[in-house]
C-alpha atoms as a PDB file:
ATOM      1  CA  UNK A   1      88.017 100.877 125.175  1.00  0.00           C
ATOM      2  CA  UNK A   2      88.583 104.156 123.349  1.00  0.00           C
ATOM      3  CA  UNK A   3      91.155 104.714 120.611  1.00  0.00           C
ATOM      4  CA  UNK A   4      93.856 107.011 121.983  1.00  0.00           C
ATOM      5  CA  UNK A   5      96.491 107.920 119.381  1.00  0.00           C
ATOM      6  CA  UNK A   6      99.997 109.096 120.259  1.00  0.00           C
ATOM      7  CA  UNK A   7     102.788 110.205 117.887  1.00  0.00           C
ATOM      8  CA  UNK A   8     105.147 107.550 119.229  1.00  0.00           C
ATOM      9  CA  UNK A   9     102.963 104.536 118.404  1.00  0.00           C
ATOM     10  CA  UNK A  10     100.370 105.723 115.873  1.00  0.00           C
ATOM     11  CA  UNK A  11     100.743 106.032 112.097  1.00  0.00           C
ATOM     12  CA  UNK A  12      98.601 107.961 109.645  1.00  0.00           C
ATOM     13  CA  UNK A  13      98.105 105.613 106.667  1.00  0.00           C
ATOM     14  CA  UNK A  14      96.857 106.995 103.340  1.00  0.00           C
ATOM     15  CA  UNK A  15      95.922 104.668 100.492  1.00  0.00           C
ATOM     16  CA  UNK A  16      96.372 105.764  96.861  1.00  0.00           C
ATOM     17  CA  UNK A  17      96.895 109.526  97.343  1.00  0.00           C
ATOM     18  CA  UNK A  18      97.188 109.846  93.565  1.00  0.00           C
ATOM     19  CA  UNK A  19      95.647 111.899  90.782  1.00  0.00           C
ATOM     20  CA  UNK A  20      93.736 109.217  88.889  1.00  0.00           C
ATOM     21  CA  UNK A  21      90.890 109.036  91.434  1.00  0.00           C
ATOM     22  CA  UNK A  22      91.402 112.307  93.312  1.00  0.00           C
ATOM     23  CA  UNK A  23      92.122 115.038  90.749  1.00  0.00           C
ATOM     24  CA  UNK A  24      90.111 116.488  87.839  1.00  0.00           C
ATOM     25  CA  UNK A  25      91.499 114.954  84.677  1.00  0.00           C
ATOM     26  CA  UNK A  26      92.354 111.709  86.452  1.00  0.00           C
ATOM     27  CA  UNK A  27      91.252 108.599  84.585  1.00  0.00           C
ATOM     28  CA  UNK A  28      88.860 107.553  87.343  1.00  0.00           C
ATOM     29  CA  UNK A  29      87.850 110.976  88.618  1.00  0.00           C
ATOM     30  CA  UNK A  30      84.505 110.862  86.799  1.00  0.00           C
ATOM     31  CA  UNK A  31      83.630 107.900  89.033  1.00  0.00           C
ATOM     32  CA  UNK A  32      84.637 109.450  92.361  1.00  0.00           C
ATOM     33  CA  UNK A  33      83.794 113.120  91.704  1.00  0.00           C
ATOM     34  CA  UNK A  34      80.397 112.961  93.432  1.00  0.00           C
ATOM     35  CA  UNK A  35      81.597 111.541  96.737  1.00  0.00           C
ATOM     36  CA  UNK A  36      84.747 113.699  96.686  1.00  0.00           C
ATOM     37  CA  UNK A  37      82.625 116.838  96.380  1.00  0.00           C
ATOM     38  CA  UNK A  38      80.058 115.598  98.898  1.00  0.00           C
ATOM     39  CA  UNK A  39      82.660 114.783 101.571  1.00  0.00           C
ATOM     40  CA  UNK A  40      85.291 117.409 100.668  1.00  0.00           C
ATOM     41  CA  UNK A  41      87.677 114.456 100.525  1.00  0.00           C
ATOM     42  CA  UNK A  42      90.770 116.151  99.100  1.00  0.00           C
ATOM     43  CA  UNK A  43      90.611 119.029 101.562  1.00  0.00           C
ATOM     44  CA  UNK A  44      90.059 116.608 104.438  1.00  0.00           C
ATOM     45  CA  UNK A  45      93.005 114.422 103.428  1.00  0.00           C
ATOM     46  CA  UNK A  46      95.257 117.471 103.241  1.00  0.00           C
ATOM     47  CA  UNK A  47      94.022 118.752 106.605  1.00  0.00           C
ATOM     48  CA  UNK A  48      94.560 115.347 108.221  1.00  0.00           C
ATOM     49  CA  UNK A  49      98.109 115.010 106.869  1.00  0.00           C
ATOM     50  CA  UNK A  50      99.108 118.590 107.693  1.00  0.00           C
ATOM     51  CA  UNK A  51      97.735 118.452 111.235  1.00  0.00           C
ATOM     52  CA  UNK A  52      99.287 115.045 111.897  1.00  0.00           C
ATOM     53  CA  UNK A  53     102.752 116.148 110.763  1.00  0.00           C
ATOM     54  CA  UNK A  54     102.493 119.359 112.778  1.00  0.00           C
ATOM     55  CA  UNK A  55     101.692 117.294 115.876  1.00  0.00           C
ATOM     56  CA  UNK A  56     104.607 114.935 115.366  1.00  0.00           C
ATOM     57  CA  UNK A  57     102.877 111.956 113.753  1.00  0.00           C
ATOM     58  CA  UNK A  58     104.493 109.981 110.959  1.00  0.00           C
ATOM     59  CA  UNK A  59     102.695 109.482 107.636  1.00  0.00           C
ATOM     60  CA  UNK A  60     102.735 106.208 105.687  1.00  0.00           C
ATOM     61  CA  UNK A  61     101.628 106.173 102.031  1.00  0.00           C
ATOM     62  CA  UNK A  62     100.408 102.972 100.374  1.00  0.00           C
ATOM     63  CA  UNK A  63     100.313 103.789  96.630  1.00  0.00           C
ATOM     64  CA  UNK A  64      98.908 101.811  93.717  1.00  0.00           C
ATOM     65  CA  UNK A  65     101.057 101.376  90.591  1.00  0.00           C
ATOM     66  CA  UNK A  66     100.491  99.265  87.484  1.00  0.00           C
ATOM     67  CA  UNK A  67     103.451  98.379  85.267  1.00  0.00           C
ATOM     68  CA  UNK A  68     103.230  97.202  81.644  1.00  0.00           C
ATOM     69  CA  UNK A  69     103.678  93.570  82.693  1.00  0.00           C
ATOM     70  CA  UNK A  70     100.592  93.841  84.922  1.00  0.00           C
ATOM     71  CA  UNK A  71      98.424  94.138  81.811  1.00  0.00           C
ATOM     72  CA  UNK A  72      99.343  90.523  81.047  1.00  0.00           C
ATOM     73  CA  UNK A  73      97.627  89.092  84.128  1.00  0.00           C
ATOM     74  CA  UNK A  74      95.803  85.868  83.276  1.00  0.00           C
ATOM     75  CA  UNK A  75      92.848  86.441  85.611  1.00  0.00           C
ATOM     76  CA  UNK A  76      91.432  89.466  87.369  1.00  0.00           C
ATOM     77  CA  UNK A  77      88.583  90.493  89.635  1.00  0.00           C
ATOM     78  CA  UNK A  78      86.252  93.388  88.961  1.00  0.00           C
ATOM     79  CA  UNK A  79      88.387  96.011  90.708  1.00  0.00           C
ATOM     80  CA  UNK A  80      91.479  94.972  88.747  1.00  0.00           C
ATOM     81  CA  UNK A  81      89.495  94.942  85.503  1.00  0.00           C
ATOM     82  CA  UNK A  82      88.326  98.502  86.188  1.00  0.00           C
ATOM     83  CA  UNK A  83      91.857  99.798  86.803  1.00  0.00           C
ATOM     84  CA  UNK A  84      93.322  97.983  83.814  1.00  0.00           C
ATOM     85  CA  UNK A  85      90.535  99.011  81.433  1.00  0.00           C
ATOM     86  CA  UNK A  86      90.840 102.675  82.468  1.00  0.00           C
ATOM     87  CA  UNK A  87      94.653 102.343  82.255  1.00  0.00           C
ATOM     88  CA  UNK A  88      95.025 103.896  85.684  1.00  0.00           C
ATOM     89  CA  UNK A  89      98.093 104.288  87.900  1.00  0.00           C
ATOM     90  CA  UNK A  90     100.458 103.615  85.011  1.00  0.00           C
ATOM     91  CA  UNK A  91     104.214 103.519  85.545  1.00  0.00           C
ATOM     92  CA  UNK A  92     106.548 102.479  82.717  1.00  0.00           C
ATOM     93  CA  UNK A  93     108.937 100.660  85.057  1.00  0.00           C
ATOM     94  CA  UNK A  94     110.374 100.855  88.539  1.00  0.00           C
ATOM     95  CA  UNK A  95     113.044 103.361  87.436  1.00  0.00           C
ATOM     96  CA  UNK A  96     110.977 106.076  85.751  1.00  0.00           C
ATOM     97  CA  UNK A  97     108.629 108.705  87.195  1.00  0.00           C
ATOM     98  CA  UNK A  98     104.931 107.787  87.284  1.00  0.00           C
ATOM     99  CA  UNK A  99     102.429 108.951  84.694  1.00  0.00           C
ATOM    100  CA  UNK A 100     100.475 112.111  85.632  1.00  0.00           C
ATOM    101  CA  UNK A 101      97.578 109.950  86.855  1.00  0.00           C
ATOM    102  CA  UNK A 102      99.808 107.769  89.020  1.00  0.00           C
ATOM    103  CA  UNK A 103     101.594 110.788  90.482  1.00  0.00           C
ATOM    104  CA  UNK A 104     100.662 112.143  93.900  1.00  0.00           C
ATOM    105  CA  UNK A 105      98.048 114.890  94.196  1.00  0.00           C
ATOM    106  CA  UNK A 106     100.084 118.137  93.999  1.00  0.00           C
ATOM    107  CA  UNK A 107      98.695 119.633  97.205  1.00  0.00           C
ATOM    108  CA  UNK A 108      99.694 116.461  99.084  1.00  0.00           C
ATOM    109  CA  UNK A 109     103.339 116.499  97.986  1.00  0.00           C
ATOM    110  CA  UNK A 110     104.724 118.720 100.781  1.00  0.00           C
ATOM    111  CA  UNK A 111     103.499 116.118 103.304  1.00  0.00           C
ATOM    112  CA  UNK A 112     104.371 113.022 101.254  1.00  0.00           C
ATOM    113  CA  UNK A 113     107.900 114.286 100.557  1.00  0.00           C
ATOM    114  CA  UNK A 114     108.495 115.276 104.169  1.00  0.00           C
ATOM    115  CA  UNK A 115     111.652 113.504 105.343  1.00  0.00           C
ATOM    116  CA  UNK A 116     109.702 111.598 108.031  1.00  0.00           C
ATOM    117  CA  UNK A 117     107.066 110.191 105.661  1.00  0.00           C
ATOM    118  CA  UNK A 118     107.319 106.573 104.517  1.00  0.00           C
ATOM    119  CA  UNK A 119     106.147 105.702 100.987  1.00  0.00           C
ATOM    120  CA  UNK A 120     105.563 101.955 100.875  1.00  0.00           C
ATOM    121  CA  UNK A 121     106.111  99.867  97.787  1.00  0.00           C
ATOM    122  CA  UNK A 122     103.019  99.668  95.534  1.00  0.00           C
ATOM    123  CA  UNK A 123     100.185  97.313  96.347  1.00  0.00           C
ATOM    124  CA  UNK A 124      98.686  95.431  93.404  1.00  0.00           C
ATOM    125  CA  UNK A 125      95.058  94.710  94.280  1.00  0.00           C
ATOM    126  CA  UNK A 126      93.579  96.379  97.352  1.00  0.00           C
ATOM    127  CA  UNK A 127      95.268  95.355 100.598  1.00  0.00           C
ATOM    128  CA  UNK A 128      98.838  95.710 101.899  1.00  0.00           C
ATOM    129  CA  UNK A 129      99.391  91.971 101.450  1.00  0.00           C
ATOM    130  CA  UNK A 130     101.282  92.783  98.230  1.00  0.00           C
ATOM    131  CA  UNK A 131     103.480  95.597  99.557  1.00  0.00           C
ATOM    132  CA  UNK A 132     105.767  96.354 102.487  1.00  0.00           C
ATOM    133  CA  UNK A 133     103.428  98.608 104.509  1.00  0.00           C
ATOM    134  CA  UNK A 134     103.102  96.233 107.480  1.00  0.00           C
ATOM    135  CA  UNK A 135     106.871  95.690 107.568  1.00  0.00           C
ATOM    136  CA  UNK A 136     107.473  99.450 107.541  1.00  0.00           C
ATOM    137  CA  UNK A 137     104.931 100.022 110.326  1.00  0.00           C
ATOM    138  CA  UNK A 138     106.576  97.389 112.486  1.00  0.00           C
ATOM    139  CA  UNK A 139     110.081  98.751 111.782  1.00  0.00           C
ATOM    140  CA  UNK A 140     108.907 102.134 113.077  1.00  0.00           C
ATOM    141  CA  UNK A 141     107.298 100.597 116.178  1.00  0.00           C
ATOM    142  CA  UNK A 142     103.755 101.571 115.258  1.00  0.00           C
ATOM    143  CA  UNK A 143     100.932  99.758 117.039  1.00  0.00           C
ATOM    144  CA  UNK A 144      97.985 101.865 115.885  1.00  0.00           C
ATOM    145  CA  UNK A 145      96.909 103.250 112.515  1.00  0.00           C
ATOM    146  CA  UNK A 146      94.582 106.034 111.442  1.00  0.00           C
ATOM    147  CA  UNK A 147      93.445 105.253 107.923  1.00  0.00           C
ATOM    148  CA  UNK A 148      92.087 107.319 105.003  1.00  0.00           C
ATOM    149  CA  UNK A 149      92.292 107.505 101.199  1.00  0.00           C
ATOM    150  CA  UNK A 150      90.578 105.845  98.237  1.00  0.00           C
ATOM    151  CA  UNK A 151      88.595 103.857  97.359  1.00  0.00           C
ATOM    152  CA  UNK A 152      86.437 103.721 100.500  1.00  0.00           C
ATOM    153  CA  UNK A 153      85.072 100.215  99.980  1.00  0.00           C
ATOM    154  CA  UNK A 154      88.102  98.705  98.221  1.00  0.00           C
ATOM    155  CA  UNK A 155      91.627  99.784  99.181  1.00  0.00           C
ATOM    156  CA  UNK A 156      90.715 101.629 102.395  1.00  0.00           C
ATOM    157  CA  UNK A 157      88.490  98.811 103.606  1.00  0.00           C
ATOM    158  CA  UNK A 158      90.969  96.117 102.553  1.00  0.00           C
ATOM    159  CA  UNK A 159      93.781  97.932 104.356  1.00  0.00           C
ATOM    160  CA  UNK A 160      91.585  98.274 107.450  1.00  0.00           C
ATOM    161  CA  UNK A 161      90.792  94.561 107.568  1.00  0.00           C
ATOM    162  CA  UNK A 162      94.387  93.494 106.897  1.00  0.00           C
ATOM    163  CA  UNK A 163      95.865  95.853 109.479  1.00  0.00           C
ATOM    164  CA  UNK A 164      93.373  94.798 112.137  1.00  0.00           C
ATOM    165  CA  UNK A 165      94.063  91.116 111.464  1.00  0.00           C
ATOM    166  CA  UNK A 166      97.785  91.843 111.774  1.00  0.00           C
ATOM    167  CA  UNK A 167      97.272  93.236 115.257  1.00  0.00           C
ATOM    168  CA  UNK A 168      97.131  96.991 114.614  1.00  0.00           C
ATOM    169  CA  UNK A 169      94.507  98.981 116.489  1.00  0.00           C
ATOM    170  CA  UNK A 170      92.868 100.912 113.665  1.00  0.00           C
ATOM    171  CA  UNK A 171      90.674 103.984 113.215  1.00  0.00           C
ATOM    172  CA  UNK A 172      89.174 105.153 109.912  1.00  0.00           C
ATOM    173  CA  UNK A 173      88.531 108.777 108.903  1.00  0.00           C
ATOM    174  CA  UNK A 174      85.504 108.194 106.701  1.00  0.00           C
ATOM    175  CA  UNK A 175      85.034 111.671 105.195  1.00  0.00           C
ATOM    176  CA  UNK A 176      88.663 111.580 104.044  1.00  0.00           C
ATOM    177  CA  UNK A 177      87.759 108.690 101.729  1.00  0.00           C
ATOM    178  CA  UNK A 178      85.880 108.504  98.408  1.00  0.00           C
ATOM    179  CA  UNK A 179      84.107 105.805  96.434  1.00  0.00           C
ATOM    180  CA  UNK A 180      82.671 105.360  92.950  1.00  0.00           C
ATOM    181  CA  UNK A 181      79.083 105.718  94.204  1.00  0.00           C
ATOM    182  CA  UNK A 182      77.162 106.799  97.277  1.00  0.00           C
ATOM    183  CA  UNK A 183      76.045 103.189  97.765  1.00  0.00           C
ATOM    184  CA  UNK A 184      79.648 101.968  97.793  1.00  0.00           C
ATOM    185  CA  UNK A 185      80.644 104.743 100.200  1.00  0.00           C
ATOM    186  CA  UNK A 186      77.848 103.872 102.628  1.00  0.00           C
ATOM    187  CA  UNK A 187      78.693 100.167 102.402  1.00  0.00           C
ATOM    188  CA  UNK A 188      82.264 101.006 103.390  1.00  0.00           C
ATOM    189  CA  UNK A 189      81.171 103.127 106.350  1.00  0.00           C
ATOM    190  CA  UNK A 190      78.959 100.264 107.545  1.00  0.00           C
ATOM    191  CA  UNK A 191      81.960  97.948 107.495  1.00  0.00           C
ATOM    192  CA  UNK A 192      84.265 100.485 109.125  1.00  0.00           C
ATOM    193  CA  UNK A 193      81.821 100.627 112.037  1.00  0.00           C
ATOM    194  CA  UNK A 194      81.723  96.829 112.203  1.00  0.00           C
ATOM    195  CA  UNK A 195      85.516  96.394 112.404  1.00  0.00           C
ATOM    196  CA  UNK A 196      87.463  99.527 113.352  1.00  0.00           C
ATOM    197  CA  UNK A 197      88.233 100.724 116.872  1.00  0.00           C
ATOM    198  CA  UNK A 198      87.050 104.207 115.906  1.00  0.00           C
ATOM    199  CA  UNK A 199      85.264 105.773 112.925  1.00  0.00           C
ATOM    200  CA  UNK A 200      85.773 109.520 112.771  1.00  0.00           C
ATOM    201  CA  UNK A 201      85.152 112.582 110.675  1.00  0.00           C
ATOM    202  CA  UNK A 202      88.297 114.560 109.864  1.00  0.00           C
ATOM    203  CA  UNK A 203      87.404 117.129 112.509  1.00  0.00           C
ATOM    204  CA  UNK A 204      86.983 114.391 115.094  1.00  0.00           C
ATOM    205  CA  UNK A 205      90.272 112.800 114.048  1.00  0.00           C
ATOM    206  CA  UNK A 206      92.311 115.970 114.349  1.00  0.00           C
ATOM    207  CA  UNK A 207      90.721 116.726 117.718  1.00  0.00           C
ATOM    208  CA  UNK A 208      92.096 113.393 118.956  1.00  0.00           C
ATOM    209  CA  UNK A 209      95.614 113.889 117.598  1.00  0.00           C
END
């Protein structure tokens, strides 16, 4: 069975479209720079979002924020340790603008601030179990998701698994993702192919929209 998206029932989901991993000067950019340049990730994300909006699809952002109280966590896994040690995605509180690193990539803002786009509450580890993404998708009658963002093998993969297990037919746009190493990127692509209904390049994705 092929994956056939339609604007009425399909969402474009982007994980962590923020400066810290995606923009020069971001606190984690030195880790992702190689795969971003290799895959043209930022350009591909922008092309995917722009084309989707132009064709009537709705975008859903799943951002990653860390508040001061999150630095008091009593136990953490390796991904959390990395983000906390690099002091990434920092926001002072729920009522103030994010730090430059936690802010959205400037070239993405016209699409993220489009009146149709949904920005979910922040997730805390890697999957949408800790935010309202699934609730928002269901409230907008979405049955399918097309997924991209960072990190390939952490937040993107965790979102893919969680969405699939919650009954969403899911495709992943692998060259619109980035990881902290080529090995991690390839591991993610292997798992996308094992789980997703479709695994596309950006060009393939936009040809299906």
